[in-house]
Amino acid sequence: MTRAALVRTALALLVAIGVAGPLSGCSISSKGSSQSNGGGGAAEEEAANERREEAAETEKNRELLSELEAKRREEAAEAQARKTERLAREKAKKREQKAEKEAKKHEAEAAAKLKKQEEEAKAKLAKERAEAEQQKQEAERKKEAERKKAEAERAATTQQATTAPSESP
C-alpha cells in the first residue's frame, strides 16, 4: 500500500470517528434524559462532561487530520523534487549526448580535412615528380640530340677530311 493510500485511509477513519463520536453521544444523552427527569443536576453534569470529551476528541481529530495533511503535502513536495531531479538528470544527459555528437562531428570534419590535405599533397608531389621526370627525359633527349649532332658533325668532318685529301693529288 502506498503512502498516499495509507494517508487517505487514516483520514477516512478519523472523519468516521469524528462523526460517529458525537452521534453516539447524542443517543446516550437522549436515553439518560428520558430515564432521569428527576435528577437533572447529575444528567446535566454528565452531558457537560460528554460535550467536553467530544470537544477534546474533535480537537484531537483535527490535529491528527492536520498532521496527515502536512505529511501529504510533504510527500507531494518530495515527489515533485524527485521529478525535478529526474528531469534535470535527463536534460543533463541530453546535453552531454549532444556535446559528444558535436565533438564526433568536429573530429570527423577534421579527419576529412586532413585526408583531403594529404591527398592534395600526394597529388602535388606526384605532379612534381612527373614534371621532374619529364624534364629529365627532355634533358636526356636534348643531350642525345646534341650527342648525335656532334657525332654527325664529327662524321661529316671526318668524311670531309678523308675525302678532301683524295681530291688534292
Foldseek 3Di string as FASTA:
>chain_A
DDPVVVLVVVLVVLVVCLVVLVVVLVVVLVVVCVVPVPPVVVSVVVNVVSVVVSVVSNVVSVVVNVVSVVVVVVVVVVVVVVVVVVVVVVVVVVVVVVVVVVVVVVVVVVVVVVVVVVVVVVVVVVVVVVVVVVVVVVVVVVVVVVVVVVVVVVVVVVVCVVVVVVVPD
